[in-house]
PDB file of N, CA and C in Angstrom:
ATOM      1  N   UNK A   1       0.792  -1.165   0.021  1.00  0.00           N
ATOM      2  CA  UNK A   1       0.068   0.033   0.002  1.00  0.00           C
ATOM      3  C   UNK A   1       0.951   1.270   0.023  1.00  0.00           C
ATOM      4  N   UNK A   2       0.356   2.104  -0.760  1.00  0.00           N
ATOM      5  CA  UNK A   2       1.288   3.388  -0.915  1.00  0.00           C
ATOM      6  C   UNK A   2       0.570   4.567  -0.067  1.00  0.00           C
ATOM      7  N   UNK A   3       1.021   5.792  -0.398  1.00  0.00           N
ATOM      8  CA  UNK A   3       0.583   6.962   0.334  1.00  0.00           C
ATOM      9  C   UNK A   3      -0.797   7.315  -0.129  1.00  0.00           C
ATOM     10  N   UNK A   4      -1.633   7.926   0.697  1.00  0.00           N
ATOM     11  CA  UNK A   4      -2.936   8.464   0.298  1.00  0.00           C
ATOM     12  C   UNK A   4      -2.839   9.545  -0.575  1.00  0.00           C
ATOM     13  N   UNK A   5      -3.400   9.483  -1.778  1.00  0.00           N
ATOM     14  CA  UNK A   5      -3.483  10.600  -2.804  1.00  0.00           C
ATOM     15  C   UNK A   5      -4.685  11.541  -2.478  1.00  0.00           C
ATOM     16  N   UNK A   6      -4.783  12.561  -3.294  1.00  0.00           N
ATOM     17  CA  UNK A   6      -5.778  13.506  -3.050  1.00  0.00           C
ATOM     18  C   UNK A   6      -7.180  12.984  -3.353  1.00  0.00           C
ATOM     19  N   UNK A   7      -7.430  12.005  -4.298  1.00  0.00           N
ATOM     20  CA  UNK A   7      -8.684  11.496  -4.431  1.00  0.00           C
ATOM     21  C   UNK A   7      -9.157  10.625  -3.235  1.00  0.00           C
ATOM     22  N   UNK A   8      -8.223   9.817  -2.614  1.00  0.00           N
ATOM     23  CA  UNK A   8      -8.533   9.004  -1.557  1.00  0.00           C
ATOM     24  C   UNK A   8      -8.902   9.867  -0.291  1.00  0.00           C
ATOM     25  N   UNK A   9      -8.158  10.969  -0.117  1.00  0.00           N
ATOM     26  CA  UNK A   9      -8.445  11.795   0.927  1.00  0.00           C
ATOM     27  C   UNK A   9      -9.797  12.450   0.837  1.00  0.00           C
ATOM     28  N   UNK A  10     -10.134  12.818  -0.405  1.00  0.00           N
ATOM     29  CA  UNK A  10     -11.486  13.459  -0.655  1.00  0.00           C
ATOM     30  C   UNK A  10     -12.725  12.437  -0.477  1.00  0.00           C
ATOM     31  N   UNK A  11     -12.407  11.308  -0.931  1.00  0.00           N
ATOM     32  CA  UNK A  11     -13.443  10.255  -0.689  1.00  0.00           C
ATOM     33  C   UNK A  11     -13.626  10.053   0.973  1.00  0.00           C
ATOM     34  N   UNK A  12     -12.590   9.952   1.608  1.00  0.00           N
ATOM     35  CA  UNK A  12     -12.688   9.772   3.057  1.00  0.00           C
ATOM     36  C   UNK A  12     -13.362  10.894   3.763  1.00  0.00           C
ATOM     37  N   UNK A  13     -12.998  12.194   3.251  1.00  0.00           N
ATOM     38  CA  UNK A  13     -13.690  13.289   3.899  1.00  0.00           C
ATOM     39  C   UNK A  13     -15.277  13.264   3.550  1.00  0.00           C
ATOM     40  N   UNK A  14     -15.473  12.894   2.262  1.00  0.00           N
ATOM     41  CA  UNK A  14     -16.902  12.820   1.972  1.00  0.00           C
ATOM     42  C   UNK A  14     -17.678  11.816   2.730  1.00  0.00           C
ATOM     43  N   UNK A  15     -17.031  10.674   2.965  1.00  0.00           N
ATOM     44  CA  UNK A  15     -17.776   9.682   3.828  1.00  0.00           C
ATOM     45  C   UNK A  15     -17.944  10.136   5.167  1.00  0.00           C
ATOM     46  N   UNK A  16     -16.892  10.867   5.788  1.00  0.00           N
ATOM     47  CA  UNK A  16     -17.143  11.351   7.166  1.00  0.00           C
ATOM     48  C   UNK A  16     -18.218  12.362   7.288  1.00  0.00           C
ATOM     49  N   UNK A  17     -18.260  13.163   6.187  1.00  0.00           N
ATOM     50  CA  UNK A  17     -19.344  14.249   6.219  1.00  0.00           C
ATOM     51  C   UNK A  17     -20.750  13.501   6.167  1.00  0.00           C
ATOM     52  N   UNK A  18     -20.908  12.548   5.323  1.00  0.00           N
ATOM     53  CA  UNK A  18     -22.218  11.906   5.186  1.00  0.00           C
ATOM     54  C   UNK A  18     -22.539  11.115   6.399  1.00  0.00           C
ATOM     55  N   UNK A  19     -21.491  10.526   7.110  1.00  0.00           N
ATOM     56  CA  UNK A  19     -21.835   9.915   8.415  1.00  0.00           C
ATOM     57  C   UNK A  19     -22.271  10.766   9.540  1.00  0.00           C
ATOM     58  N   UNK A  20     -21.501  11.861   9.659  1.00  0.00           N
ATOM     59  CA  UNK A  20     -21.568  12.660  10.870  1.00  0.00           C
ATOM     60  C   UNK A  20     -22.489  13.948  10.635  1.00  0.00           C
ATOM     61  N   UNK A  21     -22.534  14.295   9.379  1.00  0.00           N
ATOM     62  CA  UNK A  21     -23.222  15.580   9.104  1.00  0.00           C
ATOM     63  C   UNK A  21     -22.326  16.804   9.369  1.00  0.00           C
ATOM     64  N   UNK A  22     -22.753  17.951   8.718  1.00  0.00           N
ATOM     65  CA  UNK A  22     -21.861  19.088   8.882  1.00  0.00           C
ATOM     66  C   UNK A  22     -21.920  19.775  10.224  1.00  0.00           C
ATOM     67  N   UNK A  23     -22.974  19.645  10.890  1.00  0.00           N
ATOM     68  CA  UNK A  23     -23.144  20.313  12.178  1.00  0.00           C
ATOM     69  C   UNK A  23     -22.287  19.516  13.309  1.00  0.00           C
ATOM     70  N   UNK A  24     -22.080  18.292  13.212  1.00  0.00           N
ATOM     71  CA  UNK A  24     -21.483  17.533  14.141  1.00  0.00           C
ATOM     72  C   UNK A  24     -19.985  17.466  14.139  1.00  0.00           C
ATOM     73  N   UNK A  25     -19.409  17.748  12.821  1.00  0.00           N
ATOM     74  CA  UNK A  25     -17.998  17.793  12.692  1.00  0.00           C
ATOM     75  C   UNK A  25     -17.311  18.768  13.548  1.00  0.00           C
ATOM     76  N   UNK A  26     -17.788  19.966  13.604  1.00  0.00           N
ATOM     77  CA  UNK A  26     -17.019  21.051  14.442  1.00  0.00           C
ATOM     78  C   UNK A  26     -16.883  20.595  15.876  1.00  0.00           C
ATOM     79  N   UNK A  27     -18.010  20.067  16.406  1.00  0.00           N
ATOM     80  CA  UNK A  27     -18.034  19.603  17.752  1.00  0.00           C
ATOM     81  C   UNK A  27     -17.116  18.361  18.035  1.00  0.00           C
ATOM     82  N   UNK A  28     -16.894  17.536  17.047  1.00  0.00           N
ATOM     83  CA  UNK A  28     -15.950  16.531  17.115  1.00  0.00           C
ATOM     84  C   UNK A  28     -14.488  16.945  17.129  1.00  0.00           C
ATOM     85  N   UNK A  29     -14.307  17.947  16.300  1.00  0.00           N
ATOM     86  CA  UNK A  29     -12.884  18.649  16.212  1.00  0.00           C
ATOM     87  C   UNK A  29     -12.534  19.372  17.398  1.00  0.00           C
ATOM     88  N   UNK A  30     -13.633  19.991  18.032  1.00  0.00           N
ATOM     89  CA  UNK A  30     -13.309  20.736  19.261  1.00  0.00           C
ATOM     90  C   UNK A  30     -12.978  19.726  20.305  1.00  0.00           C
ATOM     91  N   UNK A  31     -13.716  18.731  20.463  1.00  0.00           N
ATOM     92  CA  UNK A  31     -13.393  17.780  21.483  1.00  0.00           C
ATOM     93  C   UNK A  31     -12.014  17.080  21.305  1.00  0.00           C
ATOM     94  N   UNK A  32     -11.651  16.818  20.046  1.00  0.00           N
ATOM     95  CA  UNK A  32     -10.290  16.334  19.783  1.00  0.00           C
ATOM     96  C   UNK A  32      -9.151  17.288  20.072  1.00  0.00           C
ATOM     97  N   UNK A  33      -9.380  18.504  19.824  1.00  0.00           N
ATOM     98  CA  UNK A  33      -8.466  19.505  20.151  1.00  0.00           C
ATOM     99  C   UNK A  33      -8.128  19.727  21.617  1.00  0.00           C
ATOM    100  N   UNK A  34      -9.282  19.666  22.369  1.00  0.00           N
ATOM    101  CA  UNK A  34      -9.182  19.774  23.845  1.00  0.00           C
ATOM    102  C   UNK A  34      -8.547  18.506  24.442  1.00  0.00           C
ATOM    103  N   UNK A  35      -8.878  17.384  23.917  1.00  0.00           N
ATOM    104  CA  UNK A  35      -8.162  16.117  24.262  1.00  0.00           C
ATOM    105  C   UNK A  35      -6.523  16.228  24.074  1.00  0.00           C
ATOM    106  N   UNK A  36      -6.222  16.668  22.876  1.00  0.00           N
ATOM    107  CA  UNK A  36      -4.810  16.733  22.619  1.00  0.00           C
ATOM    108  C   UNK A  36      -4.173  17.797  23.478  1.00  0.00           C
ATOM    109  N   UNK A  37      -4.742  18.918  23.868  1.00  0.00           N
ATOM    110  CA  UNK A  37      -4.194  19.963  24.680  1.00  0.00           C
ATOM    111  C   UNK A  37      -4.086  19.535  26.057  1.00  0.00           C
ATOM    112  N   UNK A  38      -5.015  18.688  26.692  1.00  0.00           N
ATOM    113  CA  UNK A  38      -4.849  18.096  27.957  1.00  0.00           C
ATOM    114  C   UNK A  38      -3.822  16.921  27.995  1.00  0.00           C
ATOM    115  N   UNK A  39      -3.654  16.268  26.840  1.00  0.00           N
ATOM    116  CA  UNK A  39      -2.579  15.159  26.834  1.00  0.00           C
ATOM    117  C   UNK A  39      -1.193  16.003  26.872  1.00  0.00           C
ATOM    118  N   UNK A  40      -1.048  17.013  26.073  1.00  0.00           N
ATOM    119  CA  UNK A  40       0.182  17.788  26.018  1.00  0.00           C
ATOM    120  C   UNK A  40       0.555  18.257  27.475  1.00  0.00           C
ATOM    121  N   UNK A  41      -0.430  18.914  28.123  1.00  0.00           N
ATOM    122  CA  UNK A  41      -0.163  19.417  29.482  1.00  0.00           C
ATOM    123  C   UNK A  41       0.098  18.324  30.545  1.00  0.00           C
ATOM    124  N   UNK A  42      -0.468  17.184  30.387  1.00  0.00           N
ATOM    125  CA  UNK A  42      -0.184  15.960  31.303  1.00  0.00           C
ATOM    126  C   UNK A  42       1.258  15.516  31.066  1.00  0.00           C
ATOM    127  N   UNK A  43       1.590  15.369  29.713  1.00  0.00           N
ATOM    128  CA  UNK A  43       2.954  15.053  29.308  1.00  0.00           C
ATOM    129  C   UNK A  43       4.015  16.056  29.817  1.00  0.00           C
ATOM    130  N   UNK A  44       3.697  17.177  29.655  1.00  0.00           N
ATOM    131  CA  UNK A  44       4.601  18.271  30.162  1.00  0.00           C
ATOM    132  C   UNK A  44       4.897  18.250  31.755  1.00  0.00           C
ATOM    133  N   UNK A  45       3.787  17.990  32.588  1.00  0.00           N
ATOM    134  CA  UNK A  45       3.916  17.978  33.978  1.00  0.00           C
ATOM    135  C   UNK A  45       4.541  16.616  34.504  1.00  0.00           C
ATOM    136  N   UNK A  46       4.595  15.655  33.662  1.00  0.00           N
ATOM    137  CA  UNK A  46       5.229  14.492  34.066  1.00  0.00           C
ATOM    138  C   UNK A  46       6.749  14.282  33.753  1.00  0.00           C
ATOM    139  N   UNK A  47       7.239  15.215  33.183  1.00  0.00           N
ATOM    140  CA  UNK A  47       8.648  15.188  32.870  1.00  0.00           C
ATOM    141  C   UNK A  47       9.543  15.293  34.079  1.00  0.00           C
ATOM    142  N   UNK A  48      10.650  14.511  34.182  1.00  0.00           N
ATOM    143  CA  UNK A  48      11.505  14.552  35.454  1.00  0.00           C
ATOM    144  C   UNK A  48      12.141  15.867  35.475  1.00  0.00           C
ATOM    145  N   UNK A  49      12.480  16.187  36.783  1.00  0.00           N
ATOM    146  CA  UNK A  49      13.135  17.407  37.235  1.00  0.00           C
ATOM    147  C   UNK A  49      14.690  17.294  36.604  1.00  0.00           C
ATOM    148  N   UNK A  50      15.245  18.463  36.376  1.00  0.00           N
ATOM    149  CA  UNK A  50      16.717  18.368  35.850  1.00  0.00           C
ATOM    150  C   UNK A  50      17.618  17.916  36.906  1.00  0.00           C
ATOM    151  N   UNK A  51      18.570  17.385  36.426  1.00  0.00           N
ATOM    152  CA  UNK A  51      19.531  16.712  37.507  1.00  0.00           C
ATOM    153  C   UNK A  51      20.285  17.869  38.394  1.00  0.00           C
ATOM    154  N   UNK A  52      20.412  19.036  37.957  1.00  0.00           N
ATOM    155  CA  UNK A  52      20.994  20.111  38.693  1.00  0.00           C
ATOM    156  C   UNK A  52      20.311  20.356  40.095  1.00  0.00           C
ATOM    157  N   UNK A  53      18.966  20.450  39.873  1.00  0.00           N
ATOM    158  CA  UNK A  53      18.246  20.587  41.173  1.00  0.00           C
ATOM    159  C   UNK A  53      18.497  19.563  42.348  1.00  0.00           C
ATOM    160  N   UNK A  54      18.483  18.239  41.763  1.00  0.00           N
ATOM    161  CA  UNK A  54      18.721  17.130  42.654  1.00  0.00           C
ATOM    162  C   UNK A  54      20.124  17.353  43.340  1.00  0.00           C
ATOM    163  N   UNK A  55      21.077  17.633  42.516  1.00  0.00           N
ATOM    164  CA  UNK A  55      22.532  17.839  43.087  1.00  0.00           C
ATOM    165  C   UNK A  55      22.525  18.793  44.204  1.00  0.00           C
ATOM    166  N   UNK A  56      22.014  20.066  43.852  1.00  0.00           N
ATOM    167  CA  UNK A  56      21.967  21.116  44.835  1.00  0.00           C
ATOM    168  C   UNK A  56      21.259  20.719  46.063  1.00  0.00           C
ATOM    169  N   UNK A  57      20.156  19.893  46.066  1.00  0.00           N
ATOM    170  CA  UNK A  57      19.336  19.706  47.244  1.00  0.00           C
ATOM    171  C   UNK A  57      20.125  18.776  48.117  1.00  0.00           C
ATOM    172  N   UNK A  58      21.006  17.847  47.601  1.00  0.00           N
ATOM    173  CA  UNK A  58      21.733  16.851  48.353  1.00  0.00           C
ATOM    174  C   UNK A  58      22.991  17.477  49.105  1.00  0.00           C
ATOM    175  N   UNK A  59      23.366  18.702  48.724  1.00  0.00           N
ATOM    176  CA  UNK A  59      24.557  19.430  49.238  1.00  0.00           C
ATOM    177  C   UNK A  59      24.159  20.051  50.571  1.00  0.00           C
TER     178      UNK A  59
END
């Protein structure tokens, strides 16, 4: 299987519009965007502290 071309992408978009309708798609994208934002914030909070701070605290 190769990469998706313009025709395939247009067919997929057309099917999505038929399934969900024009009014529901913005709501879905808003939910997807907020989910991605929450994931990024959670990933940023879980990063370990730099080694410098740990060395200074042990002194």
